[in-house]
Amino acid sequence: MKNLLLSCLFAFSCQAVATAQQLKAPEALRSTTVPTVPAEPKAPSTTEVEKLAEEAQKSLYQTVDKGTAGTTTTKGLSSTGFALPFKRPEDPSRWDKDSVRKIAVMEVAFGGVRDTVMIELFPGDAPQTVANFINLCDSGFYNGLAFHRAIEGFLVQTGDPLTSDESAREKWGTGGEDKSIPAEIKRSHGIGAVAMARRSDKVNPQRRSNGSQFYVTLGNYGSLEGKYTVFGQVVSGLDVLKRISIMPVDANDCPIARIEVKSIKVIDQKGPMQVQPAVAGDGQRYSKPDSARGMVGRFLHRVW
C-alpha cells in the first residue's frame, strides 16, 4: 500500500513539472533580450524638403501679416515684428510736384503671395551703377532670379544669375563676376539703402561692384560706410524685405524655400507718390505709378 502511494505521488509530481515548463514566466523574471535595431528612417527627398520649406514660409508670412509674430527683437523693429515705421531720407508723398525721379518697381513672390518693393535710384551720385542696373532691368535680366541671402535685421541680397538654376544652389552668391563696375561710393548705409555687392578688399582693392548682385540694408550700419556703392533707397515695401529676412534659411543664410524676383521695371515718377490706405503694423506704403502697371492693372486702378 505504501509503495502504491509513493508511485502516485511521483507520477503527480512529474505531471506538475511538465505543466510548469509550458507556462510563461512573469515579465519581471524573463531574461533580457537584445532589442532589434530599427532600420534608419528614409531621408526625405529634395522635393519633400522644398515642399516643407514652402509650407513653413507661407505659414510664417501669414503669421507676420496678421501681426502675431514672435517676440524676437530686431534693431529698428518692435518686439512683435514690424509695427515701427522705417525712417526715410525724404517722404515720397511730399516730393515736389515738378520733380522727376527714377523708380525701380520690383515684384517679389514668396509665402504664397506676390508683393511690391519700390526703390528710388540716384543717378546723380552713382551714374555708372544706375545705368548698368537700368540696362539689366530693361533686358529682363533679374526676372526669375532668387534672393540668395537673408539675414534678419541686417540685409537681404539678390541679383546672382546663378539663382535661376535650383540645382546650382551650392554656387549661389558667386555669380555676376564676369563684369564689374567702378566704385561710386558717396551715399550712406541707412535703413533701406540699396547697394551693390562686391568681392573683398583683399582681391578687389578698388572696391569695384559686382556686375548684378545688390543688397538692401535693414538697419543703420556705420560699419559699411565708405566700402560699398549705394545707388538707391527703398521708398515703399521695406516691410516686404523684412519678412524675407526672417524666412527659414540654410547654413549659408540662403532661404530654403525659393523667394523669387518676378520682375523689376524702372519708370519715371513725376511729382509725389500716392499713399496707400494705412494697414495696421504694415508701415506706410505707396501706390505703384500707372506706368508700372499692366494694361489691366491701369484699367482697374482707374475704375476703383
Protein backbone atom coordinates (compact mmCIF):
# COMPACT_ATOMS: atom_id res chain seq x y z
CA MET A 1 0.00 0.00 0.00
CA LYS A 2 2.86 2.35 0.91
CA ASN A 3 4.58 1.67 -2.39
CA LEU A 4 1.38 2.39 -4.30
CA LEU A 5 1.00 5.77 -2.57
CA LEU A 6 4.61 6.72 -3.39
CA SER A 7 4.09 5.79 -7.02
CA CYS A 8 1.02 8.07 -7.25
CA LEU A 9 2.88 10.95 -5.68
CA PHE A 10 5.82 10.52 -8.08
CA ALA A 11 3.50 10.49 -11.12
CA PHE A 12 1.69 13.64 -9.91
CA SER A 13 5.00 15.44 -9.39
CA CYS A 14 6.18 14.66 -12.92
CA GLN A 15 2.92 15.98 -14.41
CA ALA A 16 3.21 19.20 -12.38
CA VAL A 17 6.76 19.77 -13.58
CA ALA A 18 5.74 19.24 -17.18
CA THR A 19 2.84 21.71 -16.84
CA ALA A 20 5.08 24.31 -15.21
CA GLN A 21 7.55 24.10 -18.10
CA GLN A 22 4.75 25.04 -20.53
CA LEU A 23 3.77 28.27 -18.65
CA LYS A 24 5.35 31.68 -19.48
CA ALA A 25 7.47 33.31 -16.82
CA PRO A 26 6.27 36.68 -15.44
CA GLU A 27 7.62 39.78 -17.29
CA ALA A 28 9.88 40.70 -14.38
CA LEU A 29 11.56 37.34 -14.45
CA ARG A 30 12.10 36.96 -18.18
CA SER A 31 15.63 37.15 -19.48
CA THR A 32 16.56 40.39 -21.25
CA THR A 33 16.98 40.01 -24.96
CA VAL A 34 18.88 42.32 -27.29
CA PRO A 35 16.35 44.67 -28.96
CA THR A 36 16.09 44.64 -32.68
CA VAL A 37 17.79 47.70 -34.20
CA PRO A 38 15.21 49.55 -36.30
CA ALA A 39 16.11 50.44 -39.82
CA GLU A 40 17.29 54.03 -40.35
CA PRO A 41 14.43 56.28 -41.44
CA LYS A 42 14.40 57.11 -45.09
CA ALA A 43 15.76 60.57 -45.73
CA PRO A 44 13.20 62.94 -47.23
CA SER A 45 13.60 63.66 -50.90
CA THR A 46 14.62 67.07 -52.21
CA THR A 47 11.05 67.63 -53.38
CA GLU A 48 9.68 66.84 -49.91
CA VAL A 49 12.17 69.23 -48.26
CA GLU A 50 11.26 72.02 -50.68
CA LYS A 51 7.56 71.44 -50.05
CA LEU A 52 8.03 71.57 -46.29
CA ALA A 53 10.10 74.75 -46.62
CA GLU A 54 7.45 76.39 -48.77
CA GLU A 55 4.74 75.48 -46.27
CA ALA A 56 6.83 76.89 -43.41
CA GLN A 57 7.50 80.04 -45.41
CA LYS A 58 3.81 80.55 -46.17
CA SER A 59 2.82 79.93 -42.55
CA LEU A 60 5.44 82.35 -41.25
CA TYR A 61 4.47 85.02 -43.79
CA GLN A 62 0.82 84.74 -42.78
CA THR A 63 1.71 84.92 -39.09
CA VAL A 64 3.70 88.10 -39.60
CA ASP A 65 0.99 89.54 -41.84
CA LYS A 66 -1.54 89.14 -39.02
CA GLY A 67 0.75 90.92 -36.60
CA THR A 68 1.29 87.84 -34.44
CA ALA A 69 5.00 87.28 -34.95
CA GLY A 70 7.14 86.09 -32.07
CA THR A 71 8.92 88.30 -29.57
CA THR A 72 12.29 88.35 -31.28
CA THR A 73 13.63 91.87 -31.15
CA THR A 74 15.40 93.29 -34.18
CA LYS A 75 17.10 96.66 -34.48
CA GLY A 76 14.56 99.18 -35.70
CA LEU A 77 11.57 96.89 -35.11
CA SER A 78 9.08 96.45 -32.31
CA SER A 79 9.10 93.28 -30.22
CA THR A 80 6.13 91.96 -32.18
CA GLY A 81 7.62 92.35 -35.64
CA PHE A 82 7.03 95.24 -37.99
CA ALA A 83 4.92 97.79 -36.14
CA LEU A 84 7.52 100.55 -36.10
CA PRO A 85 7.66 102.73 -39.24
CA PHE A 86 11.01 102.76 -41.01
CA LYS A 87 12.92 106.00 -41.48
CA ARG A 88 13.13 107.57 -44.91
CA PRO A 89 15.56 110.27 -46.05
CA GLU A 90 12.62 112.06 -47.65
CA ASP A 91 8.87 111.46 -47.61
CA PRO A 92 7.82 110.45 -51.16
CA SER A 93 4.35 111.86 -50.60
CA ARG A 94 5.95 115.29 -50.28
CA TRP A 95 8.16 115.22 -53.33
CA ASP A 96 7.94 118.39 -55.35
CA LYS A 97 5.17 118.28 -57.95
CA ASP A 98 7.64 119.23 -60.69
CA SER A 99 10.23 116.61 -59.69
CA VAL A 100 11.04 113.58 -61.85
CA ARG A 101 12.68 110.58 -60.19
CA LYS A 102 13.79 107.16 -61.36
CA ILE A 103 11.89 104.42 -59.53
CA ALA A 104 12.58 100.68 -59.77
CA VAL A 105 9.39 98.69 -59.16
CA MET A 106 10.29 95.16 -58.05
CA GLU A 107 7.71 92.37 -57.88
CA VAL A 108 8.61 89.60 -55.41
CA ALA A 109 6.87 86.24 -54.87
CA PHE A 110 7.12 84.22 -51.64
CA GLY A 111 4.93 82.88 -48.88
CA GLY A 112 2.17 82.19 -51.38
CA VAL A 113 1.76 85.86 -52.28
CA ARG A 114 3.19 88.45 -54.65
CA ASP A 115 4.27 91.82 -53.29
CA THR A 116 5.86 95.07 -54.45
CA VAL A 117 9.02 96.91 -53.42
CA MET A 118 9.82 100.35 -54.87
CA ILE A 119 13.32 101.80 -54.96
CA GLU A 120 14.37 105.36 -55.76
CA LEU A 121 17.54 105.37 -57.85
CA PHE A 122 20.30 108.00 -57.57
CA PRO A 123 21.90 108.52 -61.00
CA GLY A 124 23.45 111.79 -59.79
CA ASP A 125 25.55 110.01 -57.15
CA ALA A 126 26.18 106.69 -58.91
CA PRO A 127 25.70 107.28 -62.67
CA GLN A 128 27.53 104.19 -63.96
CA THR A 129 25.96 101.90 -61.38
CA VAL A 130 22.44 103.15 -62.04
CA ALA A 131 22.92 102.98 -65.82
CA ASN A 132 24.07 99.35 -65.53
CA PHE A 133 21.16 98.50 -63.21
CA ILE A 134 18.60 100.06 -65.55
CA ASN A 135 20.04 98.18 -68.54
CA LEU A 136 19.74 94.90 -66.65
CA CYS A 137 16.15 95.66 -65.63
CA ASP A 138 15.15 96.69 -69.16
CA SER A 139 16.61 93.49 -70.59
CA GLY A 140 14.68 91.31 -68.10
CA PHE A 141 17.92 90.09 -66.53
CA TYR A 142 16.52 89.98 -62.99
CA ASN A 143 13.26 88.26 -63.92
CA GLY A 144 13.11 84.83 -62.27
CA LEU A 145 16.20 85.23 -60.07
CA ALA A 146 16.04 84.42 -56.36
CA PHE A 147 17.07 86.05 -53.10
CA HIS A 148 20.13 84.05 -52.11
CA ARG A 149 20.97 85.77 -48.83
CA ALA A 150 18.70 86.83 -45.96
CA ILE A 151 19.92 87.86 -42.50
CA GLU A 152 17.34 89.11 -40.01
CA GLY A 153 17.86 92.75 -39.08
CA PHE A 154 20.87 93.08 -41.38
CA LEU A 155 20.23 92.65 -45.11
CA VAL A 156 18.69 90.73 -47.98
CA GLN A 157 20.51 90.13 -51.27
CA THR A 158 19.65 89.09 -54.83
CA GLY A 159 20.81 89.52 -58.43
CA ASP A 160 23.02 86.46 -58.86
CA PRO A 161 22.33 84.96 -62.32
CA LEU A 162 23.17 81.50 -60.96
CA THR A 163 20.00 81.57 -58.84
CA SER A 164 17.94 80.86 -61.94
CA ASP A 165 19.15 77.26 -61.56
CA GLU A 166 17.95 75.46 -58.41
CA SER A 167 20.44 72.65 -58.97
CA ALA A 168 23.33 75.13 -58.62
CA ARG A 169 22.49 76.22 -55.07
CA GLU A 170 25.98 75.47 -53.79
CA LYS A 171 27.30 78.16 -56.16
CA TRP A 172 24.68 80.81 -55.41
CA GLY A 173 26.30 84.09 -54.43
CA THR A 174 29.31 83.68 -56.71
CA GLY A 175 27.75 84.78 -59.99
CA GLY A 176 27.89 88.14 -61.74
CA GLU A 177 31.66 88.43 -61.61
CA ASP A 178 32.11 88.35 -65.38
CA LYS A 179 31.56 92.11 -65.24
CA SER A 180 32.35 94.75 -62.63
CA ILE A 181 31.52 98.42 -62.18
CA PRO A 182 33.82 101.17 -60.85
CA ALA A 183 33.18 102.16 -57.26
CA GLU A 184 30.91 105.20 -56.79
CA ILE A 185 30.94 105.48 -53.02
CA LYS A 186 29.10 108.62 -51.92
CA ARG A 187 25.90 107.73 -50.07
CA SER A 188 25.48 106.25 -46.59
CA HIS A 189 24.03 102.92 -45.41
CA GLY A 190 20.84 104.00 -43.64
CA ILE A 191 17.89 101.66 -43.26
CA GLY A 192 16.55 100.72 -46.69
CA ALA A 193 19.76 101.65 -48.54
CA VAL A 194 20.25 99.69 -51.79
CA ALA A 195 23.87 98.91 -52.64
CA MET A 196 25.93 96.75 -54.96
CA ALA A 197 27.68 93.69 -53.59
CA ARG A 198 31.37 93.17 -54.32
CA ARG A 199 34.36 90.98 -53.59
CA SER A 200 36.58 91.69 -50.58
CA ASP A 201 39.33 94.32 -50.46
CA LYS A 202 41.92 91.55 -50.48
CA VAL A 203 41.15 90.62 -54.07
CA ASN A 204 39.36 93.84 -55.02
CA PRO A 205 41.23 96.82 -53.53
CA GLN A 206 39.50 99.20 -55.96
CA ARG A 207 36.16 98.14 -54.44
CA ARG A 208 34.59 97.62 -57.83
CA SER A 209 30.99 96.44 -57.67
CA ASN A 210 29.66 93.08 -58.81
CA GLY A 211 28.01 93.26 -62.21
CA SER A 212 24.49 92.48 -60.98
CA GLN A 213 24.19 91.50 -57.31
CA PHE A 214 22.67 94.06 -54.95
CA TYR A 215 21.51 94.12 -51.35
CA VAL A 216 19.24 96.17 -49.08
CA THR A 217 20.19 97.06 -45.51
CA LEU A 218 17.55 96.59 -42.82
CA GLY A 219 19.17 98.84 -40.23
CA ASN A 220 21.65 101.69 -39.91
CA TYR A 221 25.13 100.20 -40.28
CA GLY A 222 28.11 102.52 -39.95
CA SER A 223 30.47 99.57 -40.42
CA LEU A 224 29.55 99.51 -44.12
CA GLU A 225 30.18 103.19 -44.74
CA GLY A 226 32.71 104.06 -47.42
CA LYS A 227 33.03 100.46 -48.56
CA TYR A 228 30.16 99.78 -50.96
CA THR A 229 28.36 101.72 -53.68
CA VAL A 230 24.89 102.81 -52.54
CA PHE A 231 22.77 103.61 -55.59
CA GLY A 232 19.20 103.56 -54.30
CA GLN A 233 16.78 103.80 -51.41
CA VAL A 234 13.68 101.72 -50.69
CA VAL A 235 10.72 104.11 -50.57
CA SER A 236 7.93 101.53 -50.30
CA GLY A 237 7.77 97.87 -49.30
CA LEU A 238 10.62 97.70 -46.81
CA ASP A 239 8.32 95.56 -44.68
CA VAL A 240 8.34 93.01 -47.51
CA LEU A 241 12.12 92.76 -47.33
CA LYS A 242 11.99 92.46 -43.54
CA ARG A 243 9.64 89.50 -43.97
CA ILE A 244 12.12 87.93 -46.36
CA SER A 245 14.87 88.34 -43.76
CA ILE A 246 13.07 86.12 -41.22
CA MET A 247 12.25 83.25 -43.57
CA PRO A 248 13.92 79.87 -42.86
CA VAL A 249 17.48 79.75 -44.22
CA ASP A 250 20.28 77.20 -44.52
CA ALA A 251 23.79 77.38 -43.09
CA ASN A 252 24.76 79.87 -45.81
CA ASP A 253 21.90 82.27 -44.95
CA CYS A 254 20.15 81.26 -48.16
CA PRO A 255 16.34 80.97 -47.94
CA ILE A 256 15.37 77.31 -48.09
CA ALA A 257 12.13 77.92 -49.96
CA ARG A 258 12.59 79.95 -53.12
CA ILE A 259 11.94 83.70 -52.88
CA GLU A 260 11.77 84.94 -56.44
CA VAL A 261 12.10 88.29 -58.16
CA LYS A 262 9.35 88.20 -60.76
CA SER A 263 10.36 91.45 -62.44
CA ILE A 264 11.99 94.84 -61.95
CA LYS A 265 10.73 97.71 -64.04
CA VAL A 266 12.30 101.19 -63.96
CA ILE A 267 9.90 104.09 -64.52
CA ASP A 268 9.90 107.88 -64.18
CA GLN A 269 7.89 109.14 -61.23
CA LYS A 270 6.63 112.66 -61.76
CA GLY A 271 5.70 114.54 -58.61
CA PRO A 272 4.79 112.99 -55.23
CA MET A 273 3.79 109.37 -54.77
CA GLN A 274 0.29 108.41 -53.69
CA VAL A 275 -0.02 106.95 -50.19
CA GLN A 276 -1.95 103.70 -49.88
CA PRO A 277 -4.57 103.32 -47.14
CA ALA A 278 -2.87 102.57 -43.83
CA VAL A 279 -2.57 98.91 -42.86
CA ALA A 280 -2.02 98.08 -39.18
CA GLY A 281 1.54 97.03 -38.47
CA ASP A 282 2.49 97.39 -42.11
CA GLY A 283 4.19 100.77 -42.21
CA GLN A 284 3.47 103.34 -44.90
CA ARG A 285 3.19 102.15 -48.49
CA TYR A 286 2.76 103.91 -51.80
CA SER A 287 0.70 103.02 -54.84
CA LYS A 288 2.50 101.91 -57.98
CA PRO A 289 2.55 104.59 -60.69
CA ASP A 290 0.36 103.82 -63.70
CA SER A 291 3.46 103.43 -65.85
CA ALA A 292 4.47 100.45 -63.67
CA ARG A 293 1.13 98.69 -64.14
CA GLY A 294 -0.02 96.45 -66.95
CA MET A 295 -2.98 97.41 -69.12
CA VAL A 296 -5.46 95.56 -66.90
CA GLY A 297 -3.90 96.99 -63.77
CA ARG A 298 -4.16 100.55 -65.11
CA PHE A 299 -7.82 100.00 -66.01
CA LEU A 300 -8.74 98.56 -62.60
CA HIS A 301 -6.81 101.28 -60.78
CA ARG A 302 -8.80 103.99 -62.56
CA VAL A 303 -12.13 102.18 -62.15
CA TRP A 304 -11.71 101.53 -58.44
